[in-house]
Amino acid sequence: MIIDSHCHAGKGDGLTGPWDTAAPLDKYLIRAADAGISRTVLFAAFHSHYAVANRDVARIVASRPDRFLALPSSMLFTIAGACKD
């Protein structure tokens, strides 16, 4: 089994580039299938409110639990930010 351990998913809110705007999975899933990847660990796209972004990723994982795993994201720039998320 091949597991991709780092794939961003969902929508970010920075709107400055692909890393914080949107991370749809449709094209990724085609490339992953071609590469023999059968499971993927999803992270939220960069976001100013990771509690919101993590809920979006959780919904994606819940839609395909046989395919996706999740690792929650957090803003670790401050202790308060890490505790809040």
Foldseek 3Di string as FASTA:
>chain_A
DAEAEEAEAAAADPPPDPQGGGRHCPVVVVVCVVVVHQAYEYEHRHYPQQVVRVVVVVVVCVVPVRHYHYDGDWDVPDPVRRVVD
